[in-house]
Amino acid sequence: MDASQIPDFARQVTEAVAPFLPVLEPVLGGAEKKIGEVMAVAGLDRAKSLWRTLSSAVMGHDDARKAAQEVSQAPDDDDAKAALRLQLRKLLTANPGLAEELVSALGGSKVVASGAGAVAIGGSVTGSTIITGSGNLVER
């Protein structure tokens, strides 16, 4: 993964994991039965897969662990999520292999749109016109 893509990828991973950290953090910390108490929620399997990949790196890094615990206690807190996103960005930058493992955990899709007007396509696009920006007028 290109280093310029890591900040946006860290944001995507944070957004996928944050809502489920109150369940995932205790589950992967040894309380396996906790997951049985939770009804299936859209995104939970994806978050579980990401957290399984991330948890040892996060728990082995003091600041990242604290940030994950903060999000676990307040998953809707934007400041807590920003702190976790920063820690994930640092972990992914220091360990590019972890980023590749996360891509695999996501099913191999390596789609990252980064920057204003960026477009991410997870497959192929043919016969289409992609227009970005604002105030564009398309005439046929």
N, C-alpha and C. Protein backbone atom coordinates (compact mmCIF):
# COMPACT_ATOMS: atom_id res chain seq x y z
N MET A 1 0.84 -1.17 0.00
CA MET A 1 0.00 0.00 0.00
C MET A 1 0.90 1.24 0.00
N ASP A 2 0.59 2.16 -0.85
CA ASP A 2 1.33 3.41 -0.94
C ASP A 2 1.17 4.20 0.35
N ALA A 3 2.23 4.79 0.86
CA ALA A 3 2.20 5.54 2.12
C ALA A 3 1.17 6.66 2.10
N SER A 4 0.91 7.23 0.94
CA SER A 4 -0.06 8.33 0.85
C SER A 4 -1.49 7.84 1.07
N GLN A 5 -1.73 6.55 0.93
CA GLN A 5 -3.06 5.98 1.10
C GLN A 5 -3.36 5.61 2.56
N ILE A 6 -2.32 5.52 3.39
CA ILE A 6 -2.50 5.04 4.77
C ILE A 6 -3.44 5.91 5.59
N PRO A 7 -3.36 7.25 5.55
CA PRO A 7 -4.30 8.03 6.37
C PRO A 7 -5.77 7.75 6.05
N ASP A 8 -6.11 7.65 4.77
CA ASP A 8 -7.50 7.39 4.41
C ASP A 8 -7.88 5.96 4.76
N PHE A 9 -6.95 5.03 4.60
CA PHE A 9 -7.22 3.64 4.96
C PHE A 9 -7.43 3.52 6.47
N ALA A 10 -6.63 4.23 7.25
CA ALA A 10 -6.80 4.23 8.71
C ALA A 10 -8.18 4.77 9.08
N ARG A 11 -8.64 5.79 8.36
CA ARG A 11 -9.97 6.34 8.61
C ARG A 11 -11.04 5.29 8.32
N GLN A 12 -10.91 4.58 7.21
CA GLN A 12 -11.89 3.56 6.84
C GLN A 12 -11.93 2.44 7.86
N VAL A 13 -10.76 2.00 8.31
CA VAL A 13 -10.70 0.92 9.31
C VAL A 13 -11.30 1.39 10.62
N THR A 14 -10.99 2.62 11.03
CA THR A 14 -11.55 3.17 12.27
C THR A 14 -13.06 3.21 12.21
N GLU A 15 -13.60 3.70 11.10
CA GLU A 15 -15.06 3.79 10.96
C GLU A 15 -15.72 2.41 10.96
N ALA A 16 -15.03 1.41 10.42
CA ALA A 16 -15.59 0.06 10.39
C ALA A 16 -15.57 -0.60 11.77
N VAL A 17 -14.52 -0.33 12.53
CA VAL A 17 -14.34 -1.01 13.82
C VAL A 17 -15.00 -0.26 14.98
N ALA A 18 -14.98 1.06 14.96
CA ALA A 18 -15.41 1.86 16.11
C ALA A 18 -16.78 1.50 16.67
N PRO A 19 -17.82 1.34 15.85
CA PRO A 19 -19.14 1.05 16.43
C PRO A 19 -19.20 -0.28 17.17
N PHE A 20 -18.27 -1.18 16.86
CA PHE A 20 -18.32 -2.52 17.42
C PHE A 20 -17.29 -2.77 18.51
N LEU A 21 -16.42 -1.79 18.79
CA LEU A 21 -15.38 -1.99 19.80
C LEU A 21 -15.93 -2.32 21.19
N PRO A 22 -17.10 -1.81 21.58
CA PRO A 22 -17.60 -2.21 22.90
C PRO A 22 -17.80 -3.72 23.01
N VAL A 23 -18.04 -4.38 21.89
CA VAL A 23 -18.22 -5.83 21.89
C VAL A 23 -16.90 -6.52 21.56
N LEU A 24 -16.18 -6.02 20.57
CA LEU A 24 -14.98 -6.68 20.08
C LEU A 24 -13.85 -6.67 21.09
N GLU A 25 -13.63 -5.58 21.75
CA GLU A 25 -12.50 -5.47 22.66
C GLU A 25 -12.59 -6.51 23.77
N PRO A 26 -13.73 -6.68 24.46
CA PRO A 26 -13.81 -7.75 25.46
C PRO A 26 -13.77 -9.14 24.84
N VAL A 27 -14.38 -9.30 23.66
CA VAL A 27 -14.42 -10.62 23.02
C VAL A 27 -13.01 -11.09 22.72
N LEU A 28 -12.24 -10.24 22.09
CA LEU A 28 -10.90 -10.66 21.70
C LEU A 28 -9.92 -10.56 22.86
N GLY A 29 -10.37 -10.00 23.96
CA GLY A 29 -9.56 -9.98 25.17
C GLY A 29 -9.84 -11.19 26.04
N GLY A 30 -10.66 -12.15 25.60
CA GLY A 30 -10.86 -13.37 26.34
C GLY A 30 -12.29 -13.68 26.72
N ALA A 31 -13.20 -12.75 26.62
CA ALA A 31 -14.59 -13.01 27.00
C ALA A 31 -15.38 -13.45 25.80
N GLU A 32 -15.07 -14.61 25.26
CA GLU A 32 -15.66 -15.09 24.01
C GLU A 32 -17.19 -15.18 24.05
N LYS A 33 -17.78 -15.47 25.21
CA LYS A 33 -19.23 -15.63 25.25
C LYS A 33 -19.97 -14.32 25.01
N LYS A 34 -19.30 -13.18 25.18
CA LYS A 34 -19.93 -11.88 24.99
C LYS A 34 -20.54 -11.75 23.60
N ILE A 35 -19.86 -12.30 22.60
CA ILE A 35 -20.35 -12.19 21.24
C ILE A 35 -21.69 -12.90 21.06
N GLY A 36 -21.91 -13.95 21.82
CA GLY A 36 -23.18 -14.66 21.74
C GLY A 36 -24.35 -13.83 22.23
N GLU A 37 -24.08 -12.80 23.01
CA GLU A 37 -25.12 -11.95 23.56
C GLU A 37 -25.54 -10.85 22.59
N VAL A 38 -24.82 -10.73 21.51
CA VAL A 38 -25.07 -9.64 20.58
C VAL A 38 -25.77 -10.17 19.34
N MET A 39 -26.85 -9.52 18.96
CA MET A 39 -27.55 -9.91 17.73
C MET A 39 -26.70 -9.51 16.53
N ALA A 40 -26.90 -10.22 15.44
CA ALA A 40 -26.14 -9.92 14.23
C ALA A 40 -26.44 -8.50 13.78
N VAL A 41 -25.41 -7.76 13.52
CA VAL A 41 -25.53 -6.37 13.07
C VAL A 41 -24.73 -6.24 11.78
N ALA A 42 -25.28 -5.48 10.83
CA ALA A 42 -24.56 -5.27 9.57
C ALA A 42 -23.18 -4.72 9.87
N GLY A 43 -22.18 -5.33 9.32
CA GLY A 43 -20.82 -4.85 9.51
C GLY A 43 -20.06 -5.55 10.62
N LEU A 44 -20.76 -6.29 11.48
CA LEU A 44 -20.09 -6.92 12.61
C LEU A 44 -19.04 -7.93 12.15
N ASP A 45 -19.36 -8.75 11.16
CA ASP A 45 -18.37 -9.73 10.69
C ASP A 45 -17.14 -9.04 10.13
N ARG A 46 -17.36 -7.98 9.40
CA ARG A 46 -16.22 -7.22 8.84
C ARG A 46 -15.39 -6.62 9.96
N ALA A 47 -16.06 -6.05 10.95
CA ALA A 47 -15.35 -5.44 12.09
C ALA A 47 -14.60 -6.51 12.87
N LYS A 48 -15.20 -7.68 13.06
CA LYS A 48 -14.52 -8.77 13.77
C LYS A 48 -13.25 -9.17 13.04
N SER A 49 -13.35 -9.31 11.73
CA SER A 49 -12.20 -9.70 10.94
C SER A 49 -11.08 -8.66 11.03
N LEU A 50 -11.46 -7.39 10.92
CA LEU A 50 -10.47 -6.32 11.04
C LEU A 50 -9.84 -6.30 12.42
N TRP A 51 -10.68 -6.45 13.45
CA TRP A 51 -10.16 -6.36 14.82
C TRP A 51 -9.27 -7.55 15.15
N ARG A 52 -9.60 -8.73 14.63
CA ARG A 52 -8.72 -9.89 14.86
C ARG A 52 -7.33 -9.60 14.30
N THR A 53 -7.29 -8.96 13.16
CA THR A 53 -6.01 -8.62 12.54
C THR A 53 -5.30 -7.51 13.31
N LEU A 54 -6.06 -6.55 13.77
CA LEU A 54 -5.48 -5.37 14.44
C LEU A 54 -5.18 -5.56 15.92
N SER A 55 -5.94 -6.39 16.60
CA SER A 55 -5.93 -6.38 18.06
C SER A 55 -4.57 -6.58 18.69
N SER A 56 -3.76 -7.51 18.19
CA SER A 56 -2.46 -7.72 18.83
C SER A 56 -1.55 -6.50 18.66
N ALA A 57 -1.59 -5.87 17.50
CA ALA A 57 -0.79 -4.67 17.28
C ALA A 57 -1.29 -3.53 18.16
N VAL A 58 -2.61 -3.37 18.25
CA VAL A 58 -3.19 -2.30 19.07
C VAL A 58 -2.90 -2.54 20.54
N MET A 59 -3.12 -3.76 21.01
CA MET A 59 -2.92 -4.06 22.43
C MET A 59 -1.45 -4.02 22.82
N GLY A 60 -0.56 -4.19 21.84
CA GLY A 60 0.88 -4.14 22.11
C GLY A 60 1.46 -2.73 22.07
N HIS A 61 0.63 -1.75 21.80
CA HIS A 61 1.08 -0.36 21.70
C HIS A 61 0.23 0.46 22.67
N ASP A 62 0.85 0.99 23.69
CA ASP A 62 0.14 1.66 24.78
C ASP A 62 -0.86 2.72 24.32
N ASP A 63 -0.41 3.64 23.47
CA ASP A 63 -1.29 4.72 23.03
C ASP A 63 -2.46 4.20 22.19
N ALA A 64 -2.17 3.23 21.33
CA ALA A 64 -3.23 2.64 20.51
C ALA A 64 -4.24 1.89 21.38
N ARG A 65 -3.75 1.16 22.36
CA ARG A 65 -4.64 0.43 23.27
C ARG A 65 -5.55 1.38 24.02
N LYS A 66 -4.98 2.47 24.53
CA LYS A 66 -5.79 3.47 25.25
C LYS A 66 -6.83 4.10 24.33
N ALA A 67 -6.44 4.39 23.09
CA ALA A 67 -7.38 4.97 22.13
C ALA A 67 -8.51 4.00 21.82
N ALA A 68 -8.19 2.72 21.66
CA ALA A 68 -9.22 1.70 21.40
C ALA A 68 -10.16 1.58 22.59
N GLN A 69 -9.63 1.66 23.80
CA GLN A 69 -10.47 1.58 24.99
C GLN A 69 -11.40 2.79 25.08
N GLU A 70 -10.90 3.95 24.70
CA GLU A 70 -11.75 5.16 24.70
C GLU A 70 -12.91 5.00 23.72
N VAL A 71 -12.62 4.48 22.52
CA VAL A 71 -13.68 4.27 21.52
C VAL A 71 -14.63 3.18 22.00
N SER A 72 -14.09 2.18 22.68
CA SER A 72 -14.93 1.12 23.21
C SER A 72 -15.95 1.67 24.21
N GLN A 73 -15.54 2.66 24.98
CA GLN A 73 -16.42 3.26 25.99
C GLN A 73 -17.37 4.29 25.38
N ALA A 74 -16.95 4.90 24.27
CA ALA A 74 -17.78 5.95 23.64
C ALA A 74 -17.64 5.85 22.12
N PRO A 75 -18.27 4.85 21.49
CA PRO A 75 -18.07 4.62 20.06
C PRO A 75 -18.57 5.73 19.15
N ASP A 76 -19.39 6.65 19.66
CA ASP A 76 -19.87 7.76 18.84
C ASP A 76 -19.08 9.04 19.04
N ASP A 77 -18.09 9.01 19.91
CA ASP A 77 -17.29 10.19 20.23
C ASP A 77 -16.28 10.44 19.10
N ASP A 78 -16.48 11.52 18.37
CA ASP A 78 -15.60 11.83 17.23
C ASP A 78 -14.16 12.06 17.66
N ASP A 79 -13.96 12.65 18.84
CA ASP A 79 -12.59 12.88 19.31
C ASP A 79 -11.89 11.56 19.63
N ALA A 80 -12.62 10.64 20.25
CA ALA A 80 -12.04 9.33 20.55
C ALA A 80 -11.69 8.60 19.25
N LYS A 81 -12.59 8.67 18.27
CA LYS A 81 -12.32 8.02 16.99
C LYS A 81 -11.12 8.66 16.28
N ALA A 82 -10.99 9.97 16.41
CA ALA A 82 -9.85 10.65 15.79
C ALA A 82 -8.54 10.19 16.43
N ALA A 83 -8.56 10.00 17.75
CA ALA A 83 -7.36 9.52 18.44
C ALA A 83 -7.01 8.10 17.99
N LEU A 84 -8.03 7.26 17.84
CA LEU A 84 -7.79 5.90 17.36
C LEU A 84 -7.28 5.92 15.92
N ARG A 85 -7.88 6.75 15.10
CA ARG A 85 -7.45 6.86 13.69
C ARG A 85 -5.97 7.27 13.62
N LEU A 86 -5.56 8.21 14.45
CA LEU A 86 -4.16 8.64 14.48
C LEU A 86 -3.26 7.47 14.88
N GLN A 87 -3.65 6.73 15.89
CA GLN A 87 -2.84 5.60 16.34
C GLN A 87 -2.78 4.50 15.28
N LEU A 88 -3.90 4.26 14.61
CA LEU A 88 -3.89 3.26 13.53
C LEU A 88 -2.99 3.71 12.39
N ARG A 89 -3.05 4.99 12.07
CA ARG A 89 -2.19 5.51 11.00
C ARG A 89 -0.72 5.29 11.36
N LYS A 90 -0.36 5.55 12.62
CA LYS A 90 1.02 5.33 13.06
C LYS A 90 1.40 3.86 12.97
N LEU A 91 0.50 2.98 13.41
CA LEU A 91 0.77 1.54 13.35
C LEU A 91 0.93 1.06 11.91
N LEU A 92 0.05 1.53 11.02
CA LEU A 92 0.10 1.10 9.62
C LEU A 92 1.33 1.65 8.91
N THR A 93 1.74 2.86 9.26
CA THR A 93 2.94 3.45 8.67
C THR A 93 4.18 2.69 9.11
N ALA A 94 4.22 2.33 10.39
CA ALA A 94 5.37 1.61 10.93
C ALA A 94 5.40 0.15 10.49
N ASN A 95 4.24 -0.39 10.13
CA ASN A 95 4.16 -1.80 9.77
C ASN A 95 3.31 -1.97 8.50
N PRO A 96 3.90 -1.75 7.33
CA PRO A 96 3.14 -1.87 6.08
C PRO A 96 2.53 -3.26 5.89
N GLY A 97 3.14 -4.27 6.46
CA GLY A 97 2.60 -5.62 6.36
C GLY A 97 1.24 -5.73 7.03
N LEU A 98 1.04 -4.96 8.08
CA LEU A 98 -0.25 -4.95 8.78
C LEU A 98 -1.34 -4.40 7.86
N ALA A 99 -1.00 -3.38 7.10
CA ALA A 99 -1.97 -2.82 6.15
C ALA A 99 -2.37 -3.88 5.13
N GLU A 100 -1.41 -4.65 4.64
CA GLU A 100 -1.72 -5.71 3.68
C GLU A 100 -2.58 -6.79 4.32
N GLU A 101 -2.32 -7.12 5.59
CA GLU A 101 -3.16 -8.10 6.30
C GLU A 101 -4.59 -7.59 6.42
N LEU A 102 -4.75 -6.29 6.66
CA LEU A 102 -6.09 -5.71 6.77
C LEU A 102 -6.81 -5.76 5.43
N VAL A 103 -6.08 -5.52 4.37
CA VAL A 103 -6.68 -5.62 3.03
C VAL A 103 -7.19 -7.04 2.82
N SER A 104 -6.40 -8.03 3.22
CA SER A 104 -6.83 -9.43 3.11
C SER A 104 -8.04 -9.70 3.99
N ALA A 105 -8.06 -9.13 5.19
CA ALA A 105 -9.19 -9.31 6.11
C ALA A 105 -10.47 -8.72 5.53
N LEU A 106 -10.31 -7.73 4.68
CA LEU A 106 -11.46 -7.11 4.02
C LEU A 106 -11.87 -7.88 2.77
N GLY A 107 -11.24 -9.00 2.53
CA GLY A 107 -11.58 -9.80 1.36
C GLY A 107 -10.75 -9.47 0.15
N GLY A 108 -9.64 -8.80 0.36
CA GLY A 108 -8.73 -8.52 -0.74
C GLY A 108 -9.01 -7.25 -1.50
N SER A 109 -10.08 -6.54 -1.15
CA SER A 109 -10.35 -5.30 -1.87
C SER A 109 -9.42 -4.22 -1.36
N LYS A 110 -8.72 -3.59 -2.26
CA LYS A 110 -7.73 -2.58 -1.90
C LYS A 110 -8.13 -1.27 -2.56
N VAL A 111 -9.32 -0.79 -2.23
CA VAL A 111 -9.85 0.42 -2.84
C VAL A 111 -9.76 1.55 -1.83
N VAL A 112 -9.03 2.57 -2.17
CA VAL A 112 -8.91 3.73 -1.30
C VAL A 112 -9.05 4.97 -2.15
N ALA A 113 -10.03 5.81 -1.83
CA ALA A 113 -10.17 7.10 -2.50
C ALA A 113 -9.60 8.14 -1.55
N SER A 114 -8.66 8.91 -2.01
CA SER A 114 -8.00 9.87 -1.13
C SER A 114 -7.94 11.23 -1.79
N GLY A 115 -8.45 12.23 -1.12
CA GLY A 115 -8.38 13.59 -1.63
C GLY A 115 -9.68 14.07 -2.24
N ALA A 116 -9.78 15.36 -2.38
CA ALA A 116 -10.99 15.98 -2.93
C ALA A 116 -11.21 15.51 -4.36
N GLY A 117 -12.41 15.05 -4.64
CA GLY A 117 -12.76 14.62 -5.98
C GLY A 117 -12.26 13.24 -6.36
N ALA A 118 -11.68 12.52 -5.40
CA ALA A 118 -11.16 11.18 -5.69
C ALA A 118 -12.30 10.22 -5.94
N VAL A 119 -12.05 9.21 -6.74
CA VAL A 119 -13.03 8.19 -7.07
C VAL A 119 -12.41 6.84 -6.77
N ALA A 120 -13.14 5.99 -6.04
CA ALA A 120 -12.67 4.64 -5.75
C ALA A 120 -13.57 3.65 -6.47
N ILE A 121 -12.96 2.73 -7.19
CA ILE A 121 -13.72 1.71 -7.92
C ILE A 121 -13.14 0.37 -7.52
N GLY A 122 -14.01 -0.52 -7.02
CA GLY A 122 -13.56 -1.81 -6.53
C GLY A 122 -13.52 -2.89 -7.59
N GLY A 123 -13.73 -2.57 -8.80
CA GLY A 123 -13.69 -3.55 -9.89
C GLY A 123 -13.26 -2.85 -11.16
N SER A 124 -14.02 -3.05 -12.20
CA SER A 124 -13.69 -2.36 -13.45
C SER A 124 -14.90 -1.57 -13.91
N VAL A 125 -14.62 -0.49 -14.59
CA VAL A 125 -15.68 0.35 -15.13
C VAL A 125 -15.39 0.52 -16.61
N THR A 126 -16.39 0.22 -17.41
CA THR A 126 -16.25 0.42 -18.85
C THR A 126 -17.48 1.15 -19.36
N GLY A 127 -17.31 1.95 -20.35
CA GLY A 127 -18.42 2.66 -20.97
C GLY A 127 -19.04 3.71 -20.07
N SER A 128 -18.29 4.22 -19.12
CA SER A 128 -18.81 5.21 -18.19
C SER A 128 -17.95 6.47 -18.21
N THR A 129 -18.57 7.54 -17.83
CA THR A 129 -17.84 8.79 -17.66
C THR A 129 -17.93 9.16 -16.20
N ILE A 130 -16.80 9.39 -15.58
CA ILE A 130 -16.76 9.75 -14.16
C ILE A 130 -16.36 11.21 -14.07
N ILE A 131 -17.23 12.00 -13.44
CA ILE A 131 -16.98 13.43 -13.32
C ILE A 131 -16.92 13.77 -11.85
N THR A 132 -15.89 14.47 -11.44
CA THR A 132 -15.78 14.91 -10.05
C THR A 132 -15.74 16.43 -10.01
N GLY A 133 -15.92 16.95 -8.82
CA GLY A 133 -15.89 18.39 -8.66
C GLY A 133 -17.28 18.93 -8.37
N SER A 134 -17.38 20.23 -8.34
CA SER A 134 -18.69 20.83 -8.08
C SER A 134 -19.01 21.81 -9.20
N GLY A 135 -20.30 21.98 -9.43
CA GLY A 135 -20.74 22.93 -10.44
C GLY A 135 -20.58 22.44 -11.85
N ASN A 136 -20.42 21.15 -12.03
CA ASN A 136 -20.26 20.59 -13.38
C ASN A 136 -21.63 20.45 -14.05
N LEU A 137 -21.67 20.72 -15.32
CA LEU A 137 -22.88 20.56 -16.12
C LEU A 137 -22.57 19.55 -17.21
N VAL A 138 -23.34 18.48 -17.22
CA VAL A 138 -23.12 17.43 -18.22
C VAL A 138 -24.29 17.46 -19.20
N GLU A 139 -23.95 17.62 -20.46
CA GLU A 139 -24.97 17.63 -21.50
C GLU A 139 -24.78 16.42 -22.38
N ARG A 140 -25.87 15.83 -22.81
CA ARG A 140 -25.79 14.66 -23.69
C ARG A 140 -26.30 15.00 -25.05
